[in-house]
Amino acid sequence: MSTTQSPEETLADVVMVDYGLGNLRSAMRGLERAGANVVVSDDPADFDDADGIVLPGVGAFSEGMENAGPFREPLAEAAADGTPIFGICLGMQMLLTSSEEADHAGEGEVEGLDFIPGRNVRFDEGQKVPHMGWNELNVRRDHPLVEGVDGEYAYFVHSYYADPDDEDAVVASTDYGVEFPAVVANEEGTVFGTQFHPEKSGETGLTILRNFVEFCAER
């Protein structure tokens, strides 16, 4: 476990889950800039004192879920307690029930965290994958995470996207030949994720991270 603190005023204590996948350093720096005291931890016991939890991730869904196995129950308990949980890229996809990615790789059905019912699906054959680059955010409904970012641009790198069972789970969308969810949230609004990388999305991403930290501070 490592702890870092921004020289600016600390608004909230955030635990970033270290399960072996993800660019932890850049996400950690972004959260620090946003006013968080960040604990990078592979110990679920650290969730108990957290104002919020970040689930980062880059890579395959099946590997992510395998590595995150020891965190499944503690994350479910945190979600049930109303602790804000923020999934980034693969971390967002892991919030859903399942993914075509495991089937596509011949690995069979792999169960996600199921905090947001739905499935991750692959872009159609006619679309270039991975979807990589800057795309516009279209805010579909109110949520504290997306305040001030409607019409702004964020940075994406992915071949699969979320397809929630409930359309109301879509907070913001992006168009890439097909309109897909860029931000999703559960019904309570406390578990949410971005398909894009806020830590790589300039001022737009910093706004998202600040919104998250302030949301955690107010809980």
C-alpha atoms as a PDB file:
ATOM      1  CA  MET A   1       0.000   0.000   0.000  1.00  0.00           C
ATOM      2  CA  SER A   2       1.236   3.473  -0.824  1.00  0.00           C
ATOM      3  CA  THR A   3      -0.251   6.822   0.123  1.00  0.00           C
ATOM      4  CA  THR A   4       0.178  10.122  -1.661  1.00  0.00           C
ATOM      5  CA  GLN A   5      -1.258  13.506  -0.916  1.00  0.00           C
ATOM      6  CA  SER A   6      -1.681  16.559  -3.093  1.00  0.00           C
ATOM      7  CA  PRO A   7      -0.095  19.776  -1.872  1.00  0.00           C
ATOM      8  CA  GLU A   8      -3.512  21.360  -2.427  1.00  0.00           C
ATOM      9  CA  GLU A   9      -6.356  20.967   0.036  1.00  0.00           C
ATOM     10  CA  THR A  10      -7.413  17.346   0.387  1.00  0.00           C
ATOM     11  CA  LEU A  11     -11.138  16.915  -0.151  1.00  0.00           C
ATOM     12  CA  ALA A  12     -11.547  13.133   0.087  1.00  0.00           C
ATOM     13  CA  ASP A  13      -9.671   9.899   0.808  1.00  0.00           C
ATOM     14  CA  VAL A  14      -9.768   7.675  -2.272  1.00  0.00           C
ATOM     15  CA  VAL A  15      -8.549   4.078  -2.576  1.00  0.00           C
ATOM     16  CA  MET A  16      -7.311   3.000  -6.001  1.00  0.00           C
ATOM     17  CA  VAL A  17      -7.544  -0.778  -6.360  1.00  0.00           C
ATOM     18  CA  ASP A  18      -4.247  -2.359  -7.403  1.00  0.00           C
ATOM     19  CA  TYR A  19      -5.209  -5.712  -8.918  1.00  0.00           C
ATOM     20  CA  GLY A  20      -2.319  -5.854 -11.380  1.00  0.00           C
ATOM     21  CA  LEU A  21      -3.883  -4.111 -14.393  1.00  0.00           C
ATOM     22  CA  GLY A  22      -4.089  -0.452 -15.253  1.00  0.00           C
ATOM     23  CA  ASN A  23      -2.037   2.701 -15.494  1.00  0.00           C
ATOM     24  CA  LEU A  24      -2.161   3.495 -11.807  1.00  0.00           C
ATOM     25  CA  ARG A  25       0.377   6.301 -11.804  1.00  0.00           C
ATOM     26  CA  SER A  26      -1.351   8.610 -14.287  1.00  0.00           C
ATOM     27  CA  ALA A  27      -4.769   8.025 -12.733  1.00  0.00           C
ATOM     28  CA  MET A  28      -3.314   8.634  -9.273  1.00  0.00           C
ATOM     29  CA  ARG A  29      -1.761  11.927 -10.370  1.00  0.00           C
ATOM     30  CA  GLY A  30      -5.036  13.040 -11.918  1.00  0.00           C
ATOM     31  CA  LEU A  31      -6.921  12.307  -8.711  1.00  0.00           C
ATOM     32  CA  GLU A  32      -4.304  14.151  -6.673  1.00  0.00           C
ATOM     33  CA  ARG A  33      -4.708  17.193  -8.909  1.00  0.00           C
ATOM     34  CA  ALA A  34      -8.442  16.906  -8.336  1.00  0.00           C
ATOM     35  CA  GLY A  35      -7.960  17.180  -4.559  1.00  0.00           C
ATOM     36  CA  ALA A  36      -7.870  13.543  -3.433  1.00  0.00           C
ATOM     37  CA  ASN A  37      -5.625  11.840  -0.953  1.00  0.00           C
ATOM     38  CA  VAL A  38      -4.910   8.634  -2.881  1.00  0.00           C
ATOM     39  CA  VAL A  39      -4.131   5.232  -1.406  1.00  0.00           C
ATOM     40  CA  VAL A  40      -3.023   2.642  -3.969  1.00  0.00           C
ATOM     41  CA  SER A  41      -3.822  -0.669  -2.343  1.00  0.00           C
ATOM     42  CA  ASP A  42      -4.145  -4.399  -2.953  1.00  0.00           C
ATOM     43  CA  ASP A  43      -5.782  -4.829   0.470  1.00  0.00           C
ATOM     44  CA  PRO A  44      -9.612  -4.758   0.482  1.00  0.00           C
ATOM     45  CA  ALA A  45      -9.512  -3.805   4.178  1.00  0.00           C
ATOM     46  CA  ASP A  46      -8.567  -0.300   3.051  1.00  0.00           C
ATOM     47  CA  PHE A  47     -12.047   0.113   1.558  1.00  0.00           C
ATOM     48  CA  ASP A  48     -13.481   0.510   5.067  1.00  0.00           C
ATOM     49  CA  ASP A  49     -12.091   4.015   5.596  1.00  0.00           C
ATOM     50  CA  ALA A  50     -12.384   5.205   1.999  1.00  0.00           C
ATOM     51  CA  ASP A  51     -14.611   8.077   0.888  1.00  0.00           C
ATOM     52  CA  GLY A  52     -14.495   6.567  -2.604  1.00  0.00           C
ATOM     53  CA  ILE A  53     -12.980   3.672  -4.561  1.00  0.00           C
ATOM     54  CA  VAL A  54     -11.443   3.755  -8.050  1.00  0.00           C
ATOM     55  CA  LEU A  55     -11.272   0.594 -10.158  1.00  0.00           C
ATOM     56  CA  PRO A  56      -8.827   1.307 -13.007  1.00  0.00           C
ATOM     57  CA  GLY A  57      -7.974  -1.135 -15.745  1.00  0.00           C
ATOM     58  CA  VAL A  58      -6.395  -1.749 -19.121  1.00  0.00           C
ATOM     59  CA  GLY A  59      -6.515  -5.153 -20.802  1.00  0.00           C
ATOM     60  CA  ALA A  60      -8.806  -8.135 -21.211  1.00  0.00           C
ATOM     61  CA  PHE A  61     -12.101  -8.565 -19.337  1.00  0.00           C
ATOM     62  CA  SER A  62     -11.383 -12.174 -18.296  1.00  0.00           C
ATOM     63  CA  GLU A  63      -7.944 -11.320 -16.905  1.00  0.00           C
ATOM     64  CA  GLY A  64      -9.387  -8.303 -15.116  1.00  0.00           C
ATOM     65  CA  MET A  65     -12.098 -10.336 -13.426  1.00  0.00           C
ATOM     66  CA  GLU A  66      -9.663 -13.107 -12.514  1.00  0.00           C
ATOM     67  CA  ASN A  67      -7.242 -10.652 -10.924  1.00  0.00           C
ATOM     68  CA  ALA A  68     -10.075  -8.808  -9.185  1.00  0.00           C
ATOM     69  CA  GLY A  69     -11.486 -12.009  -7.685  1.00  0.00           C
ATOM     70  CA  PRO A  70     -10.335 -11.265  -4.103  1.00  0.00           C
ATOM     71  CA  PHE A  71     -11.961  -7.831  -4.342  1.00  0.00           C
ATOM     72  CA  ARG A  72     -15.369  -8.989  -5.606  1.00  0.00           C
ATOM     73  CA  GLU A  73     -17.079  -9.394  -2.230  1.00  0.00           C
ATOM     74  CA  PRO A  74     -15.469  -6.330  -0.574  1.00  0.00           C
ATOM     75  CA  LEU A  75     -16.470  -4.196  -3.581  1.00  0.00           C
ATOM     76  CA  ALA A  76     -20.028  -5.534  -3.370  1.00  0.00           C
ATOM     77  CA  GLU A  77     -20.137  -4.644   0.324  1.00  0.00           C
ATOM     78  CA  ALA A  78     -18.817  -1.145  -0.392  1.00  0.00           C
ATOM     79  CA  ALA A  79     -21.405  -0.686  -3.130  1.00  0.00           C
ATOM     80  CA  ALA A  80     -24.181  -1.846  -0.806  1.00  0.00           C
ATOM     81  CA  ASP A  81     -22.983   0.670   1.799  1.00  0.00           C
ATOM     82  CA  GLY A  82     -23.233   3.476  -0.760  1.00  0.00           C
ATOM     83  CA  THR A  83     -19.491   4.104  -1.072  1.00  0.00           C
ATOM     84  CA  PRO A  84     -18.868   5.726  -4.483  1.00  0.00           C
ATOM     85  CA  ILE A  85     -17.129   3.329  -6.880  1.00  0.00           C
ATOM     86  CA  PHE A  86     -15.630   4.693 -10.101  1.00  0.00           C
ATOM     87  CA  GLY A  87     -14.569   2.281 -12.839  1.00  0.00           C
ATOM     88  CA  ILE A  88     -12.235   3.531 -15.590  1.00  0.00           C
ATOM     89  CA  CYS A  89     -12.070   1.901 -19.046  1.00  0.00           C
ATOM     90  CA  LEU A  90     -11.775  -1.865 -18.329  1.00  0.00           C
ATOM     91  CA  GLY A  91     -12.781  -1.030 -14.754  1.00  0.00           C
ATOM     92  CA  MET A  92     -16.058   0.382 -16.091  1.00  0.00           C
ATOM     93  CA  GLN A  93     -16.691  -2.723 -18.186  1.00  0.00           C
ATOM     94  CA  MET A  94     -16.098  -4.892 -15.120  1.00  0.00           C
ATOM     95  CA  LEU A  95     -19.012  -3.143 -13.387  1.00  0.00           C
ATOM     96  CA  LEU A  96     -21.386  -4.887 -15.806  1.00  0.00           C
ATOM     97  CA  THR A  97     -22.666  -8.463 -15.712  1.00  0.00           C
ATOM     98  CA  SER A  98     -20.627 -10.014 -18.518  1.00  0.00           C
ATOM     99  CA  SER A  99     -18.696  -9.380 -21.735  1.00  0.00           C
ATOM    100  CA  GLU A 100     -18.560 -10.791 -25.252  1.00  0.00           C
ATOM    101  CA  GLU A 101     -14.794 -10.431 -25.032  1.00  0.00           C
ATOM    102  CA  ALA A 102     -14.352 -13.651 -23.083  1.00  0.00           C
ATOM    103  CA  ASP A 103     -16.567 -15.550 -25.539  1.00  0.00           C
ATOM    104  CA  HIS A 104     -14.705 -14.011 -28.472  1.00  0.00           C
ATOM    105  CA  ALA A 105     -11.423 -15.229 -26.990  1.00  0.00           C
ATOM    106  CA  GLY A 106     -12.835 -18.740 -26.533  1.00  0.00           C
ATOM    107  CA  GLU A 107     -12.810 -18.446 -22.753  1.00  0.00           C
ATOM    108  CA  GLY A 108     -16.550 -18.974 -22.247  1.00  0.00           C
ATOM    109  CA  GLU A 109     -18.730 -16.911 -19.970  1.00  0.00           C
ATOM    110  CA  VAL A 110     -16.910 -14.699 -17.473  1.00  0.00           C
ATOM    111  CA  GLU A 111     -19.010 -13.058 -14.768  1.00  0.00           C
ATOM    112  CA  GLY A 112     -18.512  -9.362 -14.105  1.00  0.00           C
ATOM    113  CA  LEU A 113     -19.260  -7.544 -10.872  1.00  0.00           C
ATOM    114  CA  ASP A 114     -22.907  -7.098 -11.935  1.00  0.00           C
ATOM    115  CA  PHE A 115     -23.326  -3.706 -10.238  1.00  0.00           C
ATOM    116  CA  ILE A 116     -24.844  -2.386 -13.476  1.00  0.00           C
ATOM    117  CA  PRO A 117     -26.835  -5.121 -15.261  1.00  0.00           C
ATOM    118  CA  GLY A 118     -25.762  -5.497 -18.866  1.00  0.00           C
ATOM    119  CA  ARG A 119     -23.166  -6.873 -21.249  1.00  0.00           C
ATOM    120  CA  ASN A 120     -20.093  -5.502 -22.972  1.00  0.00           C
ATOM    121  CA  VAL A 121     -20.257  -5.967 -26.745  1.00  0.00           C
ATOM    122  CA  ARG A 122     -17.740  -5.627 -29.571  1.00  0.00           C
ATOM    123  CA  PHE A 123     -17.943  -2.934 -32.228  1.00  0.00           C
ATOM    124  CA  ASP A 124     -19.373  -4.200 -35.521  1.00  0.00           C
ATOM    125  CA  GLU A 125     -17.095  -5.641 -38.198  1.00  0.00           C
ATOM    126  CA  GLY A 126     -17.276  -2.498 -40.330  1.00  0.00           C
ATOM    127  CA  GLN A 127     -15.810  -0.297 -37.616  1.00  0.00           C
ATOM    128  CA  LYS A 128     -12.094   0.128 -37.044  1.00  0.00           C
ATOM    129  CA  VAL A 129     -11.010  -1.293 -33.699  1.00  0.00           C
ATOM    130  CA  PRO A 130      -9.765  -0.342 -31.322  1.00  0.00           C
ATOM    131  CA  HIS A 131     -11.702   2.907 -31.200  1.00  0.00           C
ATOM    132  CA  MET A 132      -8.821   5.226 -30.406  1.00  0.00           C
ATOM    133  CA  GLY A 133      -8.774   8.998 -30.062  1.00  0.00           C
ATOM    134  CA  TRP A 134     -10.803  11.997 -28.996  1.00  0.00           C
ATOM    135  CA  ASN A 135     -14.605  11.955 -29.193  1.00  0.00           C
ATOM    136  CA  GLU A 136     -17.407  14.222 -28.044  1.00  0.00           C
ATOM    137  CA  LEU A 137     -19.429  13.523 -24.902  1.00  0.00           C
ATOM    138  CA  ASN A 138     -23.204  13.814 -25.140  1.00  0.00           C
ATOM    139  CA  VAL A 139     -24.660  14.032 -21.631  1.00  0.00           C
ATOM    140  CA  ARG A 140     -27.965  12.174 -21.593  1.00  0.00           C
ATOM    141  CA  ARG A 141     -29.040  12.757 -17.993  1.00  0.00           C
ATOM    142  CA  ASP A 142     -27.976  14.528 -14.841  1.00  0.00           C
ATOM    143  CA  HIS A 143     -25.290  12.987 -12.662  1.00  0.00           C
ATOM    144  CA  PRO A 144     -22.682  14.747 -10.496  1.00  0.00           C
ATOM    145  CA  LEU A 145     -19.847  13.072 -12.438  1.00  0.00           C
ATOM    146  CA  VAL A 146     -20.697  14.821 -15.730  1.00  0.00           C
ATOM    147  CA  GLU A 147     -21.364  18.350 -14.543  1.00  0.00           C
ATOM    148  CA  GLY A 148     -19.709  20.772 -16.942  1.00  0.00           C
ATOM    149  CA  VAL A 149     -18.603  18.290 -19.631  1.00  0.00           C
ATOM    150  CA  ASP A 150     -21.510  18.143 -22.092  1.00  0.00           C
ATOM    151  CA  GLY A 151     -20.118  18.675 -25.599  1.00  0.00           C
ATOM    152  CA  GLU A 152     -16.526  18.357 -24.409  1.00  0.00           C
ATOM    153  CA  TYR A 153     -14.045  15.783 -25.764  1.00  0.00           C
ATOM    154  CA  ALA A 154     -12.489  12.783 -24.025  1.00  0.00           C
ATOM    155  CA  TYR A 155      -9.848  10.220 -24.985  1.00  0.00           C
ATOM    156  CA  PHE A 156     -10.917   6.636 -25.765  1.00  0.00           C
ATOM    157  CA  VAL A 157      -9.018   3.394 -26.433  1.00  0.00           C
ATOM    158  CA  HIS A 158     -11.285   0.308 -26.588  1.00  0.00           C
ATOM    159  CA  SER A 159     -12.768  -2.415 -28.784  1.00  0.00           C
ATOM    160  CA  TYR A 160     -15.795  -3.241 -26.604  1.00  0.00           C
ATOM    161  CA  TYR A 161     -18.466  -1.011 -25.114  1.00  0.00           C
ATOM    162  CA  ALA A 162     -21.175  -1.283 -22.485  1.00  0.00           C
ATOM    163  CA  ASP A 163     -24.711  -2.310 -23.421  1.00  0.00           C
ATOM    164  CA  PRO A 164     -26.708  -1.878 -20.180  1.00  0.00           C
ATOM    165  CA  ASP A 165     -30.059  -3.628 -19.731  1.00  0.00           C
ATOM    166  CA  ASP A 166     -31.599  -0.355 -18.552  1.00  0.00           C
ATOM    167  CA  GLU A 167     -31.221   2.599 -20.905  1.00  0.00           C
ATOM    168  CA  ASP A 168     -31.378   4.897 -17.878  1.00  0.00           C
ATOM    169  CA  ALA A 169     -27.975   3.533 -16.849  1.00  0.00           C
ATOM    170  CA  VAL A 170     -26.459   5.589 -19.688  1.00  0.00           C
ATOM    171  CA  VAL A 171     -25.321   8.961 -18.308  1.00  0.00           C
ATOM    172  CA  ALA A 172     -23.413  10.134 -21.391  1.00  0.00           C
ATOM    173  CA  SER A 173     -22.848   8.709 -24.854  1.00  0.00           C
ATOM    174  CA  THR A 174     -20.414   9.046 -27.745  1.00  0.00           C
ATOM    175  CA  ASP A 175     -20.830   8.404 -31.467  1.00  0.00           C
ATOM    176  CA  TYR A 176     -18.434   6.094 -33.303  1.00  0.00           C
ATOM    177  CA  GLY A 177     -20.575   4.865 -36.163  1.00  0.00           C
ATOM    178  CA  VAL A 178     -22.868   3.639 -33.419  1.00  0.00           C
ATOM    179  CA  GLU A 179     -23.876   5.627 -30.348  1.00  0.00           C
ATOM    180  CA  PHE A 180     -22.445   3.879 -27.302  1.00  0.00           C
ATOM    181  CA  PRO A 181     -22.318   4.668 -23.568  1.00  0.00           C
ATOM    182  CA  ALA A 182     -19.341   6.783 -22.526  1.00  0.00           C
ATOM    183  CA  VAL A 183     -20.486   7.039 -18.892  1.00  0.00           C
ATOM    184  CA  VAL A 184     -22.756   4.605 -17.048  1.00  0.00           C
ATOM    185  CA  ALA A 185     -24.149   4.530 -13.514  1.00  0.00           C
ATOM    186  CA  ASN A 186     -26.260   2.271 -11.349  1.00  0.00           C
ATOM    187  CA  GLU A 187     -29.781   3.199 -10.285  1.00  0.00           C
ATOM    188  CA  GLU A 188     -28.594   4.709  -7.001  1.00  0.00           C
ATOM    189  CA  GLY A 189     -25.981   6.773  -8.818  1.00  0.00           C
ATOM    190  CA  THR A 190     -23.149   5.687  -6.523  1.00  0.00           C
ATOM    191  CA  VAL A 191     -21.484   3.124  -8.804  1.00  0.00           C
ATOM    192  CA  PHE A 192     -20.404   4.561 -12.136  1.00  0.00           C
ATOM    193  CA  GLY A 193     -17.734   4.391 -14.786  1.00  0.00           C
ATOM    194  CA  THR A 194     -16.246   6.022 -17.848  1.00  0.00           C
ATOM    195  CA  GLN A 195     -15.272   4.139 -20.994  1.00  0.00           C
ATOM    196  CA  PHE A 196     -12.736   6.871 -21.705  1.00  0.00           C
ATOM    197  CA  HIS A 197      -9.620   7.658 -19.699  1.00  0.00           C
ATOM    198  CA  PRO A 198     -10.200  10.837 -17.665  1.00  0.00           C
ATOM    199  CA  GLU A 199      -6.511  10.924 -16.705  1.00  0.00           C
ATOM    200  CA  LYS A 200      -5.652  11.245 -20.433  1.00  0.00           C
ATOM    201  CA  SER A 201      -8.480  13.641 -21.317  1.00  0.00           C
ATOM    202  CA  GLY A 202      -6.995  17.013 -20.407  1.00  0.00           C
ATOM    203  CA  GLU A 203      -9.242  19.584 -18.760  1.00  0.00           C
ATOM    204  CA  THR A 204     -12.355  17.509 -19.497  1.00  0.00           C
ATOM    205  CA  GLY A 205     -10.884  14.582 -17.604  1.00  0.00           C
ATOM    206  CA  LEU A 206      -9.762  16.788 -14.729  1.00  0.00           C
ATOM    207  CA  THR A 207     -13.310  18.135 -14.437  1.00  0.00           C
ATOM    208  CA  ILE A 208     -14.622  14.549 -14.260  1.00  0.00           C
ATOM    209  CA  LEU A 209     -12.081  13.650 -11.561  1.00  0.00           C
ATOM    210  CA  ARG A 210     -12.874  16.798  -9.570  1.00  0.00           C
ATOM    211  CA  ASN A 211     -16.570  15.983  -9.796  1.00  0.00           C
ATOM    212  CA  PHE A 212     -15.821  12.502  -8.459  1.00  0.00           C
ATOM    213  CA  VAL A 213     -13.705  13.756  -5.568  1.00  0.00           C
ATOM    214  CA  GLU A 214     -16.327  16.341  -4.606  1.00  0.00           C
ATOM    215  CA  PHE A 215     -19.043  13.675  -4.807  1.00  0.00           C
ATOM    216  CA  CYS A 216     -17.002  11.496  -2.433  1.00  0.00           C
ATOM    217  CA  ALA A 217     -16.459  14.407  -0.059  1.00  0.00           C
ATOM    218  CA  GLU A 218     -20.182  15.086   0.155  1.00  0.00           C
ATOM    219  CA  ARG A 219     -21.206  11.523   0.957  1.00  0.00           C
END
